Each structure stands twice: as structure tokens, then as C-alpha cells.
Amino acid sequence: MKTRLNLTIEEGLLEQTKIYAQKQHISISELVEGYFKNLTKTPKQKNIVDLVEQLAPPDIDPNANLKELYYQNQSKKYGI
């Protein structure tokens, strides 16, 4: 169920917000609701594996033998 909320903000900020919302094809209510959802959501606890996976380049196969790829790259680089 949705309910009304009255906000008081600076007039210039409201005008900028209206322009932004129009360009994004979204209502100001949807902008505010989205902001509140992001503000109040509990952050997902990340474990070390998740963090390391974010560091890996996206073009490497997750099943690849990284040690082997490193040595192959080094041999190409130095002509070994």
C-alpha cells in the first residue's frame, strides 16, 4: 500500500529534480522511493571469495588454470 509524503525542499532543487526525472522518464515519487529503498536496505555481507571474484578480469574463464596462463603469458612476453 502506498501513502502520501509531503517534502519541503529548495525551489531550485525541485526544478532540477523535475528536469532529471523527465529525462529519465520517471516520476519524482519513484525517484524518492528508490532512494529510500537504497538507503534502508541492509548491505549484503560479502565474503572474501566474492571480493576476489570482483577483481578478476571479466574475459578470463573462471575455470582456467591461472598459474598456467601466467607462465604462458610470460613465455610469450620474453620469448622463452
Protein backbone atom coordinates (compact mmCIF):
# COMPACT_ATOMS: atom_id res chain seq x y z
CA MET A 1 0.00 0.00 0.00
CA LYS A 2 1.32 3.44 -0.91
CA THR A 3 0.87 6.52 1.24
CA ARG A 4 1.45 10.23 0.72
CA LEU A 5 4.51 12.11 1.96
CA ASN A 6 4.96 15.88 1.97
CA LEU A 7 8.52 17.14 1.50
CA THR A 8 9.92 20.62 1.77
CA ILE A 9 12.97 21.29 -0.41
CA GLU A 10 14.59 24.27 -2.08
CA GLU A 11 12.72 25.51 -5.15
CA GLY A 12 15.81 25.33 -7.39
CA LEU A 13 16.48 21.75 -6.36
CA LEU A 14 12.89 20.82 -7.12
CA GLU A 15 13.18 22.30 -10.62
CA GLN A 16 16.42 20.39 -11.27
CA THR A 17 14.80 17.22 -9.96
CA LYS A 18 11.81 17.65 -12.25
CA ILE A 19 14.11 18.05 -15.26
CA TYR A 20 16.14 14.98 -14.26
CA ALA A 21 13.00 12.90 -13.68
CA GLN A 22 11.55 13.93 -17.04
CA LYS A 23 14.78 12.96 -18.85
CA GLN A 24 14.79 9.59 -17.07
CA HIS A 25 11.08 9.02 -17.79
CA ILE A 26 10.38 8.50 -14.10
CA SER A 27 8.28 10.34 -11.53
CA ILE A 28 9.74 12.23 -8.61
CA SER A 29 7.85 9.86 -6.34
CA GLU A 30 9.64 6.91 -7.94
CA LEU A 31 12.99 8.68 -7.51
CA VAL A 32 12.35 9.31 -3.82
CA GLU A 33 11.05 5.79 -3.24
CA GLY A 34 14.09 4.29 -4.98
CA TYR A 35 16.40 6.44 -2.88
CA PHE A 36 14.67 5.38 0.34
CA LYS A 37 14.87 1.71 -0.69
CA ASN A 38 18.62 2.01 -1.31
CA LEU A 39 19.08 3.93 1.91
CA THR A 40 17.28 1.38 4.07
CA LYS A 41 18.35 -1.91 2.51
CA THR A 42 20.76 -3.94 4.54
CA PRO A 43 24.08 -4.37 2.77
CA LYS A 44 24.79 -7.90 1.64
CA GLN A 45 27.73 -9.25 3.59
CA LYS A 46 30.39 -10.27 1.09
CA ASN A 47 32.86 -12.99 1.80
CA ILE A 48 36.45 -12.99 0.60
CA VAL A 49 35.64 -15.19 -2.41
CA ASP A 50 33.06 -12.68 -3.67
CA LEU A 51 35.57 -9.84 -3.30
CA VAL A 52 38.33 -11.72 -5.14
CA GLU A 53 35.96 -12.65 -7.97
CA GLN A 54 35.21 -8.95 -8.47
CA LEU A 55 38.92 -8.31 -9.01
CA ALA A 56 39.29 -10.87 -11.80
CA PRO A 57 39.18 -9.54 -15.38
CA PRO A 58 35.83 -10.41 -16.99
CA ASP A 59 37.41 -12.09 -20.04
CA ILE A 60 39.11 -14.89 -18.08
CA ASP A 61 37.38 -18.23 -17.85
CA PRO A 62 36.58 -18.86 -14.16
CA ASN A 63 37.71 -22.48 -14.62
CA ALA A 64 41.05 -21.51 -16.17
CA ASN A 65 44.35 -22.52 -14.58
CA LEU A 66 45.64 -19.04 -13.72
CA LYS A 67 49.13 -20.24 -12.89
CA GLU A 68 49.46 -21.90 -16.29
CA LEU A 69 48.08 -18.79 -18.05
CA TYR A 70 50.61 -16.63 -16.22
CA TYR A 71 53.56 -18.76 -17.34
CA GLN A 72 52.24 -18.93 -20.91
CA ASN A 73 51.96 -15.16 -20.97
CA GLN A 74 55.48 -14.75 -19.56
CA SER A 75 56.96 -17.13 -22.13
CA LYS A 76 55.29 -15.19 -24.97
CA LYS A 77 56.38 -11.87 -23.46
CA TYR A 78 60.04 -12.86 -23.09
CA GLY A 79 60.31 -15.43 -25.89
CA ILE A 80 61.15 -18.26 -23.53
